[in-house]
Amino acid sequence: MNWINNVVRPRIRSLLNKRETPENYWIKCPESGELVYYKDLEENQWVVPNSGHHMKVKAHDRLRLFLDDGVYDLLPSPRSRPTR
């Protein structure tokens, strides 16, 4: 058994063969178990149409939904003051 062929090469291949998430995937509602197309969830602001369950929303998406045209400026965070 060659550990390079059995261990190292498969790990390298798995790192190189990472694919982007396809745009045609389904998300399962944790409340009802229903499969919902993710584009439909985005259009419905991440609320499952039949069950009314509110899915988690990423911070970037939440800002885009709440703000006009999704336009906002990021402000630098203040530095913490040194303790004495």
PDB file of N, CA and C in Angstrom:
ATOM      1  N   MET A   1       0.843  -1.191   0.000  1.00  0.00           N
ATOM      2  CA  MET A   1       0.000   0.000   0.000  1.00  0.00           C
ATOM      3  C   MET A   1       0.881   1.244   0.000  1.00  0.00           C
ATOM      4  N   ASN A   2       0.574   2.112  -0.890  1.00  0.00           N
ATOM      5  CA  ASN A   2       1.313   3.348  -1.002  1.00  0.00           C
ATOM      6  C   ASN A   2       0.470   4.466  -0.411  1.00  0.00           C
ATOM      7  N   TRP A   3       0.931   5.071   0.650  1.00  0.00           N
ATOM      8  CA  TRP A   3       0.119   6.075   1.350  1.00  0.00           C
ATOM      9  C   TRP A   3      -0.041   7.351   0.537  1.00  0.00           C
ATOM     10  N   ILE A   4       0.904   7.620  -0.368  1.00  0.00           N
ATOM     11  CA  ILE A   4       0.758   8.806  -1.215  1.00  0.00           C
ATOM     12  C   ILE A   4      -0.426   8.622  -2.166  1.00  0.00           C
ATOM     13  N   ASN A   5      -0.541   7.456  -2.770  1.00  0.00           N
ATOM     14  CA  ASN A   5      -1.645   7.189  -3.687  1.00  0.00           C
ATOM     15  C   ASN A   5      -2.969   7.057  -2.953  1.00  0.00           C
ATOM     16  N   ASN A   6      -2.941   6.480  -1.760  1.00  0.00           N
ATOM     17  CA  ASN A   6      -4.182   6.201  -1.038  1.00  0.00           C
ATOM     18  C   ASN A   6      -4.675   7.357  -0.185  1.00  0.00           C
ATOM     19  N   VAL A   7      -3.785   8.219   0.282  1.00  0.00           N
ATOM     20  CA  VAL A   7      -4.181   9.277   1.210  1.00  0.00           C
ATOM     21  C   VAL A   7      -3.996  10.670   0.623  1.00  0.00           C
ATOM     22  N   VAL A   8      -2.809  10.954   0.154  1.00  0.00           N
ATOM     23  CA  VAL A   8      -2.472  12.317  -0.250  1.00  0.00           C
ATOM     24  C   VAL A   8      -3.188  12.716  -1.540  1.00  0.00           C
ATOM     25  N   ARG A   9      -3.122  11.906  -2.560  1.00  0.00           N
ATOM     26  CA  ARG A   9      -3.734  12.255  -3.847  1.00  0.00           C
ATOM     27  C   ARG A   9      -5.247  12.446  -3.751  1.00  0.00           C
ATOM     28  N   PRO A  10      -5.984  11.577  -3.062  1.00  0.00           N
ATOM     29  CA  PRO A  10      -7.426  11.841  -2.958  1.00  0.00           C
ATOM     30  C   PRO A  10      -7.742  13.147  -2.238  1.00  0.00           C
ATOM     31  N   ARG A  11      -6.953  13.509  -1.239  1.00  0.00           N
ATOM     32  CA  ARG A  11      -7.183  14.777  -0.542  1.00  0.00           C
ATOM     33  C   ARG A  11      -6.900  15.967  -1.453  1.00  0.00           C
ATOM     34  N   ILE A  12      -5.842  15.877  -2.222  1.00  0.00           N
ATOM     35  CA  ILE A  12      -5.526  16.962  -3.155  1.00  0.00           C
ATOM     36  C   ILE A  12      -6.613  17.065  -4.219  1.00  0.00           C
ATOM     37  N   ARG A  13      -7.062  15.948  -4.731  1.00  0.00           N
ATOM     38  CA  ARG A  13      -8.137  15.965  -5.732  1.00  0.00           C
ATOM     39  C   ARG A  13      -9.418  16.547  -5.164  1.00  0.00           C
ATOM     40  N   SER A  14      -9.725  16.215  -3.927  1.00  0.00           N
ATOM     41  CA  SER A  14     -10.951  16.744  -3.339  1.00  0.00           C
ATOM     42  C   SER A  14     -10.869  18.255  -3.151  1.00  0.00           C
ATOM     43  N   LEU A  15      -9.673  18.781  -2.875  1.00  0.00           N
ATOM     44  CA  LEU A  15      -9.506  20.228  -2.749  1.00  0.00           C
ATOM     45  C   LEU A  15      -9.619  20.917  -4.104  1.00  0.00           C
ATOM     46  N   LEU A  16      -9.082  20.299  -5.136  1.00  0.00           N
ATOM     47  CA  LEU A  16      -9.091  20.908  -6.462  1.00  0.00           C
ATOM     48  C   LEU A  16     -10.429  20.771  -7.171  1.00  0.00           C
ATOM     49  N   ASN A  17     -11.201  19.759  -6.829  1.00  0.00           N
ATOM     50  CA  ASN A  17     -12.453  19.492  -7.531  1.00  0.00           C
ATOM     51  C   ASN A  17     -13.666  20.090  -6.843  1.00  0.00           C
ATOM     52  N   LYS A  18     -13.458  21.061  -5.956  1.00  0.00           N
ATOM     53  CA  LYS A  18     -14.604  21.684  -5.295  1.00  0.00           C
ATOM     54  C   LYS A  18     -15.405  22.436  -6.340  1.00  0.00           C
ATOM     55  N   ARG A  19     -16.687  22.170  -6.360  1.00  0.00           N
ATOM     56  CA  ARG A  19     -17.555  22.807  -7.329  1.00  0.00           C
ATOM     57  C   ARG A  19     -18.378  23.881  -6.650  1.00  0.00           C
ATOM     58  N   GLU A  20     -18.743  24.857  -7.426  1.00  0.00           N
ATOM     59  CA  GLU A  20     -19.667  25.876  -6.937  1.00  0.00           C
ATOM     60  C   GLU A  20     -21.027  25.214  -6.748  1.00  0.00           C
ATOM     61  N   THR A  21     -21.800  25.757  -5.830  1.00  0.00           N
ATOM     62  CA  THR A  21     -23.129  25.218  -5.605  1.00  0.00           C
ATOM     63  C   THR A  21     -23.990  25.501  -6.827  1.00  0.00           C
ATOM     64  N   PRO A  22     -24.632  24.507  -7.391  1.00  0.00           N
ATOM     65  CA  PRO A  22     -25.447  24.750  -8.576  1.00  0.00           C
ATOM     66  C   PRO A  22     -26.656  25.622  -8.235  1.00  0.00           C
ATOM     67  N   GLU A  23     -27.161  26.305  -9.260  1.00  0.00           N
ATOM     68  CA  GLU A  23     -28.272  27.209  -9.025  1.00  0.00           C
ATOM     69  C   GLU A  23     -29.613  26.494  -9.008  1.00  0.00           C
ATOM     70  N   ASN A  24     -29.630  25.223  -9.185  1.00  0.00           N
ATOM     71  CA  ASN A  24     -30.902  24.511  -9.227  1.00  0.00           C
ATOM     72  C   ASN A  24     -31.015  23.521  -8.078  1.00  0.00           C
ATOM     73  N   TYR A  25     -30.836  23.993  -6.859  1.00  0.00           N
ATOM     74  CA  TYR A  25     -30.951  23.071  -5.748  1.00  0.00           C
ATOM     75  C   TYR A  25     -32.152  23.422  -4.877  1.00  0.00           C
ATOM     76  N   TRP A  26     -32.552  22.468  -4.119  1.00  0.00           N
ATOM     77  CA  TRP A  26     -33.760  22.579  -3.309  1.00  0.00           C
ATOM     78  C   TRP A  26     -33.378  22.669  -1.838  1.00  0.00           C
ATOM     79  N   ILE A  27     -34.219  23.329  -1.056  1.00  0.00           N
ATOM     80  CA  ILE A  27     -34.002  23.463   0.381  1.00  0.00           C
ATOM     81  C   ILE A  27     -35.195  22.834   1.083  1.00  0.00           C
ATOM     82  N   LYS A  28     -34.907  22.049   2.114  1.00  0.00           N
ATOM     83  CA  LYS A  28     -35.962  21.362   2.851  1.00  0.00           C
ATOM     84  C   LYS A  28     -36.419  22.221   4.022  1.00  0.00           C
ATOM     85  N   CYS A  29     -37.712  22.417   4.135  1.00  0.00           N
ATOM     86  CA  CYS A  29     -38.284  23.182   5.242  1.00  0.00           C
ATOM     87  C   CYS A  29     -38.159  22.356   6.516  1.00  0.00           C
ATOM     88  N   PRO A  30     -37.550  22.910   7.576  1.00  0.00           N
ATOM     89  CA  PRO A  30     -37.398  22.125   8.808  1.00  0.00           C
ATOM     90  C   PRO A  30     -38.717  21.888   9.528  1.00  0.00           C
ATOM     91  N   GLU A  31     -39.703  22.694   9.269  1.00  0.00           N
ATOM     92  CA  GLU A  31     -40.987  22.544   9.960  1.00  0.00           C
ATOM     93  C   GLU A  31     -41.886  21.502   9.296  1.00  0.00           C
ATOM     94  N   SER A  32     -42.051  21.594   7.976  1.00  0.00           N
ATOM     95  CA  SER A  32     -42.986  20.709   7.289  1.00  0.00           C
ATOM     96  C   SER A  32     -42.312  19.594   6.503  1.00  0.00           C
ATOM     97  N   GLY A  33     -40.998  19.715   6.253  1.00  0.00           N
ATOM     98  CA  GLY A  33     -40.293  18.704   5.478  1.00  0.00           C
ATOM     99  C   GLY A  33     -40.478  18.877   3.978  1.00  0.00           C
ATOM    100  N   GLU A  34     -41.121  19.943   3.573  1.00  0.00           N
ATOM    101  CA  GLU A  34     -41.380  20.222   2.163  1.00  0.00           C
ATOM    102  C   GLU A  34     -40.104  20.702   1.478  1.00  0.00           C
ATOM    103  N   LEU A  35     -39.893  20.286   0.229  1.00  0.00           N
ATOM    104  CA  LEU A  35     -38.759  20.754  -0.549  1.00  0.00           C
ATOM    105  C   LEU A  35     -39.187  21.985  -1.329  1.00  0.00           C
ATOM    106  N   VAL A  36     -38.389  23.065  -1.206  1.00  0.00           N
ATOM    107  CA  VAL A  36     -38.718  24.324  -1.865  1.00  0.00           C
ATOM    108  C   VAL A  36     -37.513  24.759  -2.681  1.00  0.00           C
ATOM    109  N   TYR A  37     -37.762  25.207  -3.886  1.00  0.00           N
ATOM    110  CA  TYR A  37     -36.706  25.698  -4.759  1.00  0.00           C
ATOM    111  C   TYR A  37     -36.162  26.991  -4.178  1.00  0.00           C
ATOM    112  N   TYR A  38     -34.840  27.118  -4.123  1.00  0.00           N
ATOM    113  CA  TYR A  38     -34.246  28.248  -3.411  1.00  0.00           C
ATOM    114  C   TYR A  38     -34.558  29.585  -4.064  1.00  0.00           C
ATOM    115  N   LYS A  39     -34.747  29.643  -5.385  1.00  0.00           N
ATOM    116  CA  LYS A  39     -35.118  30.898  -6.047  1.00  0.00           C
ATOM    117  C   LYS A  39     -36.490  31.354  -5.570  1.00  0.00           C
ATOM    118  N   ASP A  40     -37.409  30.397  -5.331  1.00  0.00           N
ATOM    119  CA  ASP A  40     -38.725  30.752  -4.807  1.00  0.00           C
ATOM    120  C   ASP A  40     -38.609  31.306  -3.389  1.00  0.00           C
ATOM    121  N   LEU A  41     -37.696  30.738  -2.592  1.00  0.00           N
ATOM    122  CA  LEU A  41     -37.482  31.255  -1.242  1.00  0.00           C
ATOM    123  C   LEU A  41     -36.928  32.671  -1.281  1.00  0.00           C
ATOM    124  N   GLU A  42     -35.990  32.942  -2.169  1.00  0.00           N
ATOM    125  CA  GLU A  42     -35.432  34.287  -2.289  1.00  0.00           C
ATOM    126  C   GLU A  42     -36.513  35.288  -2.674  1.00  0.00           C
ATOM    127  N   GLU A  43     -37.352  34.928  -3.631  1.00  0.00           N
ATOM    128  CA  GLU A  43     -38.427  35.823  -4.062  1.00  0.00           C
ATOM    129  C   GLU A  43     -39.435  36.063  -2.949  1.00  0.00           C
ATOM    130  N   ASN A  44     -39.617  35.089  -2.085  1.00  0.00           N
ATOM    131  CA  ASN A  44     -40.584  35.186  -0.990  1.00  0.00           C
ATOM    132  C   ASN A  44     -39.918  35.649   0.307  1.00  0.00           C
ATOM    133  N   GLN A  45     -38.722  36.232   0.200  1.00  0.00           N
ATOM    134  CA  GLN A  45     -37.952  36.747   1.325  1.00  0.00           C
ATOM    135  C   GLN A  45     -37.704  35.696   2.401  1.00  0.00           C
ATOM    136  N   TRP A  46     -37.342  34.508   1.955  1.00  0.00           N
ATOM    137  CA  TRP A  46     -36.938  33.391   2.803  1.00  0.00           C
ATOM    138  C   TRP A  46     -38.033  32.919   3.751  1.00  0.00           C
ATOM    139  N   VAL A  47     -39.275  32.993   3.283  1.00  0.00           N
ATOM    140  CA  VAL A  47     -40.413  32.422   4.005  1.00  0.00           C
ATOM    141  C   VAL A  47     -40.967  31.297   3.146  1.00  0.00           C
ATOM    142  N   VAL A  48     -41.103  30.105   3.717  1.00  0.00           N
ATOM    143  CA  VAL A  48     -41.621  28.957   2.977  1.00  0.00           C
ATOM    144  C   VAL A  48     -43.092  29.228   2.657  1.00  0.00           C
ATOM    145  N   PRO A  49     -43.485  29.153   1.373  1.00  0.00           N
ATOM    146  CA  PRO A  49     -44.835  29.547   0.987  1.00  0.00           C
ATOM    147  C   PRO A  49     -45.963  28.771   1.676  1.00  0.00           C
ATOM    148  N   ASN A  50     -45.863  27.464   1.750  1.00  0.00           N
ATOM    149  CA  ASN A  50     -46.990  26.678   2.281  1.00  0.00           C
ATOM    150  C   ASN A  50     -47.043  26.629   3.802  1.00  0.00           C
ATOM    151  N   SER A  51     -45.888  26.581   4.455  1.00  0.00           N
ATOM    152  CA  SER A  51     -45.897  26.434   5.916  1.00  0.00           C
ATOM    153  C   SER A  51     -45.735  27.764   6.637  1.00  0.00           C
ATOM    154  N   GLY A  52     -45.220  28.797   5.952  1.00  0.00           N
ATOM    155  CA  GLY A  52     -45.019  30.088   6.589  1.00  0.00           C
ATOM    156  C   GLY A  52     -43.794  30.120   7.497  1.00  0.00           C
ATOM    157  N   HIS A  53     -42.943  29.112   7.427  1.00  0.00           N
ATOM    158  CA  HIS A  53     -41.743  29.052   8.259  1.00  0.00           C
ATOM    159  C   HIS A  53     -40.721  30.065   7.748  1.00  0.00           C
ATOM    160  N   HIS A  54     -40.143  30.845   8.651  1.00  0.00           N
ATOM    161  CA  HIS A  54     -39.134  31.833   8.300  1.00  0.00           C
ATOM    162  C   HIS A  54     -37.755  31.193   8.395  1.00  0.00           C
ATOM    163  N   MET A  55     -37.060  31.121   7.259  1.00  0.00           N
ATOM    164  CA  MET A  55     -35.729  30.546   7.217  1.00  0.00           C
ATOM    165  C   MET A  55     -34.723  31.593   7.666  1.00  0.00           C
ATOM    166  N   LYS A  56     -33.518  31.159   8.020  1.00  0.00           N
ATOM    167  CA  LYS A  56     -32.461  32.090   8.390  1.00  0.00           C
ATOM    168  C   LYS A  56     -32.036  32.880   7.157  1.00  0.00           C
ATOM    169  N   VAL A  57     -31.740  34.172   7.358  1.00  0.00           N
ATOM    170  CA  VAL A  57     -31.319  35.039   6.267  1.00  0.00           C
ATOM    171  C   VAL A  57     -29.904  35.521   6.566  1.00  0.00           C
ATOM    172  N   LYS A  58     -29.042  35.457   5.572  1.00  0.00           N
ATOM    173  CA  LYS A  58     -27.674  35.942   5.736  1.00  0.00           C
ATOM    174  C   LYS A  58     -27.698  37.450   5.928  1.00  0.00           C
ATOM    175  N   ALA A  59     -26.713  37.970   6.617  1.00  0.00           N
ATOM    176  CA  ALA A  59     -26.668  39.397   6.931  1.00  0.00           C
ATOM    177  C   ALA A  59     -26.652  40.248   5.664  1.00  0.00           C
ATOM    178  N   HIS A  60     -25.890  39.827   4.678  1.00  0.00           N
ATOM    179  CA  HIS A  60     -25.820  40.584   3.430  1.00  0.00           C
ATOM    180  C   HIS A  60     -27.192  40.632   2.749  1.00  0.00           C
ATOM    181  N   ASP A  61     -27.891  39.505   2.725  1.00  0.00           N
ATOM    182  CA  ASP A  61     -29.214  39.461   2.113  1.00  0.00           C
ATOM    183  C   ASP A  61     -30.218  40.286   2.909  1.00  0.00           C
ATOM    184  N   ARG A  62     -30.103  40.266   4.221  1.00  0.00           N
ATOM    185  CA  ARG A  62     -31.013  41.045   5.061  1.00  0.00           C
ATOM    186  C   ARG A  62     -30.848  42.546   4.793  1.00  0.00           C
ATOM    187  N   LEU A  63     -29.615  43.003   4.670  1.00  0.00           N
ATOM    188  CA  LEU A  63     -29.378  44.412   4.354  1.00  0.00           C
ATOM    189  C   LEU A  63     -29.938  44.767   2.979  1.00  0.00           C
ATOM    190  N   ARG A  64     -29.765  43.872   2.024  1.00  0.00           N
ATOM    191  CA  ARG A  64     -30.273  44.112   0.675  1.00  0.00           C
ATOM    192  C   ARG A  64     -31.795  44.213   0.673  1.00  0.00           C
ATOM    193  N   LEU A  65     -32.454  43.406   1.521  1.00  0.00           N
ATOM    194  CA  LEU A  65     -33.915  43.424   1.585  1.00  0.00           C
ATOM    195  C   LEU A  65     -34.450  44.670   2.290  1.00  0.00           C
ATOM    196  N   PHE A  66     -33.795  45.098   3.354  1.00  0.00           N
ATOM    197  CA  PHE A  66     -34.311  46.195   4.168  1.00  0.00           C
ATOM    198  C   PHE A  66     -33.995  47.579   3.625  1.00  0.00           C
ATOM    199  N   LEU A  67     -32.869  47.724   2.938  1.00  0.00           N
ATOM    200  CA  LEU A  67     -32.439  49.041   2.498  1.00  0.00           C
ATOM    201  C   LEU A  67     -32.891  49.315   1.065  1.00  0.00           C
ATOM    202  N   ASP A  68     -33.083  50.580   0.752  1.00  0.00           N
ATOM    203  CA  ASP A  68     -33.520  50.976  -0.579  1.00  0.00           C
ATOM    204  C   ASP A  68     -32.499  50.561  -1.623  1.00  0.00           C
ATOM    205  N   ASP A  69     -32.926  49.799  -2.583  1.00  0.00           N
ATOM    206  CA  ASP A  69     -32.091  49.319  -3.683  1.00  0.00           C
ATOM    207  C   ASP A  69     -30.866  48.541  -3.208  1.00  0.00           C
ATOM    208  N   GLY A  70     -30.817  48.151  -1.948  1.00  0.00           N
ATOM    209  CA  GLY A  70     -29.700  47.380  -1.420  1.00  0.00           C
ATOM    210  C   GLY A  70     -28.393  48.147  -1.398  1.00  0.00           C
ATOM    211  N   VAL A  71     -28.457  49.486  -1.382  1.00  0.00           N
ATOM    212  CA  VAL A  71     -27.250  50.306  -1.401  1.00  0.00           C
ATOM    213  C   VAL A  71     -26.942  50.770   0.017  1.00  0.00           C
ATOM    214  N   TYR A  72     -25.728  50.520   0.465  1.00  0.00           N
ATOM    215  CA  TYR A  72     -25.307  50.940   1.794  1.00  0.00           C
ATOM    216  C   TYR A  72     -23.791  51.073   1.817  1.00  0.00           C
ATOM    217  N   ASP A  73     -23.298  51.839   2.770  1.00  0.00           N
ATOM    218  CA  ASP A  73     -21.862  52.018   2.958  1.00  0.00           C
ATOM    219  C   ASP A  73     -21.434  51.339   4.246  1.00  0.00           C
ATOM    220  N   LEU A  74     -20.355  50.599   4.177  1.00  0.00           N
ATOM    221  CA  LEU A  74     -19.816  49.964   5.372  1.00  0.00           C
ATOM    222  C   LEU A  74     -18.922  50.960   6.091  1.00  0.00           C
ATOM    223  N   LEU A  75     -19.130  51.126   7.369  1.00  0.00           N
ATOM    224  CA  LEU A  75     -18.316  52.020   8.173  1.00  0.00           C
ATOM    225  C   LEU A  75     -17.262  51.215   8.913  1.00  0.00           C
ATOM    226  N   PRO A  76     -16.083  51.756   9.064  1.00  0.00           N
ATOM    227  CA  PRO A  76     -15.057  51.023   9.806  1.00  0.00           C
ATOM    228  C   PRO A  76     -15.444  50.932  11.283  1.00  0.00           C
ATOM    229  N   SER A  77     -15.155  49.816  11.880  1.00  0.00           N
ATOM    230  CA  SER A  77     -15.486  49.646  13.298  1.00  0.00           C
ATOM    231  C   SER A  77     -14.479  50.407  14.147  1.00  0.00           C
ATOM    232  N   PRO A  78     -14.943  51.012  15.227  1.00  0.00           N
ATOM    233  CA  PRO A  78     -14.006  51.767  16.077  1.00  0.00           C
ATOM    234  C   PRO A  78     -13.032  50.814  16.764  1.00  0.00           C
ATOM    235  N   ARG A  79     -11.842  51.293  16.930  1.00  0.00           N
ATOM    236  CA  ARG A  79     -10.845  50.459  17.592  1.00  0.00           C
ATOM    237  C   ARG A  79     -11.147  50.433  19.074  1.00  0.00           C
ATOM    238  N   SER A  80     -10.863  49.328  19.682  1.00  0.00           N
ATOM    239  CA  SER A  80     -11.088  49.242  21.124  1.00  0.00           C
ATOM    240  C   SER A  80     -10.022  50.053  21.837  1.00  0.00           C
ATOM    241  N   ARG A  81     -10.432  50.660  22.906  1.00  0.00           N
ATOM    242  CA  ARG A  81      -9.514  51.494  23.680  1.00  0.00           C
ATOM    243  C   ARG A  81      -8.621  50.612  24.550  1.00  0.00           C
ATOM    244  N   PRO A  82      -7.352  50.947  24.638  1.00  0.00           N
ATOM    245  CA  PRO A  82      -6.458  50.127  25.480  1.00  0.00           C
ATOM    246  C   PRO A  82      -6.833  50.262  26.950  1.00  0.00           C
ATOM    247  N   THR A  83      -6.731  49.183  27.657  1.00  0.00           N
ATOM    248  CA  THR A  83      -7.017  49.198  29.091  1.00  0.00           C
ATOM    249  C   THR A  83      -5.784  49.625  29.853  1.00  0.00           C
ATOM    250  N   ARG A  84      -5.995  50.299  30.963  1.00  0.00           N
ATOM    251  CA  ARG A  84      -4.860  50.783  31.773  1.00  0.00           C
ATOM    252  C   ARG A  84      -4.683  49.961  32.996  1.00  0.00           C
TER     253      ARG A  84
END
